[in-house]
Amino acid sequence: MQCFISDEYASVVPVNKKLKGFEKIDLAPGESKNVIFKFTRKDLRFIGEDNKWLFEPGTLRVSCGDQSASFELK
């Protein structure tokens, strides 16, 4: 399972999708498992024009497998 974060707008054009978590799981046919990813403030930053780490308010999309959700970073 891979989990990506994408920023819908940033002052510097970041990579479209950033891999922020992954976990290898084995499933038998018809089996399902819950996978939990936890993100820290560090996972939501990017490099700005001045080559320093930066946080910006805006909409972020988190996609894990076939599930996705958006949230506001303030």
Protein backbone atom coordinates (compact mmCIF):
# COMPACT_ATOMS: atom_id res chain seq x y z
CA MET A 1 0.00 0.00 0.00
CA GLN A 2 1.38 3.39 -0.99
CA CYS A 3 0.25 6.75 0.34
CA PHE A 4 0.84 10.00 -1.55
CA ILE A 5 0.34 13.68 -0.67
CA SER A 6 -0.18 16.32 -3.35
CA ASP A 7 -0.50 20.07 -2.91
CA GLU A 8 -3.25 21.61 -5.02
CA TYR A 9 -1.44 24.97 -5.08
CA ALA A 10 1.98 26.13 -3.93
CA SER A 11 4.10 29.23 -4.53
CA VAL A 12 6.79 26.91 -5.90
CA VAL A 13 5.59 24.17 -8.22
CA PRO A 14 6.26 20.99 -6.21
CA VAL A 15 6.35 17.42 -7.45
CA ASN A 16 2.81 16.41 -8.44
CA LYS A 17 2.57 13.52 -5.95
CA LYS A 18 5.00 12.83 -3.11
CA LEU A 19 5.25 9.33 -1.67
CA LYS A 20 4.93 9.83 2.09
CA GLY A 21 4.27 6.32 3.33
CA PHE A 22 4.21 2.71 2.27
CA GLU A 23 3.63 -0.64 3.89
CA LYS A 24 4.01 -4.06 2.35
CA ILE A 25 1.04 -6.28 3.20
CA ASP A 26 0.09 -9.77 2.12
CA LEU A 27 -3.57 -10.53 1.47
CA ALA A 28 -5.24 -13.85 0.82
CA PRO A 29 -8.01 -13.85 -1.82
CA GLY A 30 -11.00 -11.96 -0.40
CA GLU A 31 -9.07 -10.76 2.67
CA SER A 32 -8.87 -7.12 3.72
CA LYS A 33 -6.72 -5.30 6.28
CA ASN A 34 -6.67 -1.84 7.78
CA VAL A 35 -3.47 0.12 7.20
CA ILE A 36 -2.80 3.29 9.19
CA PHE A 37 -0.45 6.04 8.06
CA LYS A 38 0.49 8.86 10.42
CA PHE A 39 1.92 12.11 9.10
CA THR A 40 3.90 14.71 10.97
CA ARG A 41 4.35 18.41 10.25
CA LYS A 42 7.61 17.45 8.54
CA ASP A 43 5.70 15.39 5.95
CA LEU A 44 3.70 18.45 4.82
CA ARG A 45 6.56 20.83 4.03
CA PHE A 46 8.49 21.49 0.84
CA ILE A 47 11.54 23.44 -0.34
CA GLY A 48 10.78 27.10 -1.18
CA GLU A 49 12.48 29.47 -3.61
CA ASP A 50 15.14 30.31 -1.01
CA ASN A 51 16.03 26.59 -0.63
CA LYS A 52 14.57 26.47 2.89
CA TRP A 53 11.79 24.24 4.21
CA LEU A 54 8.40 25.90 3.97
CA PHE A 55 4.78 25.36 5.05
CA GLU A 56 1.98 27.09 3.18
CA PRO A 57 -1.72 27.13 3.89
CA GLY A 58 -3.82 25.45 1.23
CA THR A 59 -5.55 22.28 0.13
CA LEU A 60 -3.66 18.99 0.28
CA ARG A 61 -4.90 15.70 -1.16
CA VAL A 62 -3.94 12.41 0.47
CA SER A 63 -4.28 9.28 -1.70
CA CYS A 64 -3.78 5.76 -0.38
CA GLY A 65 -4.65 2.93 -2.72
CA ASP A 66 -8.05 3.67 -4.23
CA GLN A 67 -9.01 6.05 -1.38
CA SER A 68 -8.38 9.80 -1.30
CA ALA A 69 -9.37 12.84 0.74
CA SER A 70 -8.56 16.56 0.78
CA PHE A 71 -7.89 18.73 3.79
CA GLU A 72 -6.94 22.33 4.51
CA LEU A 73 -3.52 23.14 5.92
CA LYS A 74 -3.66 26.35 7.95
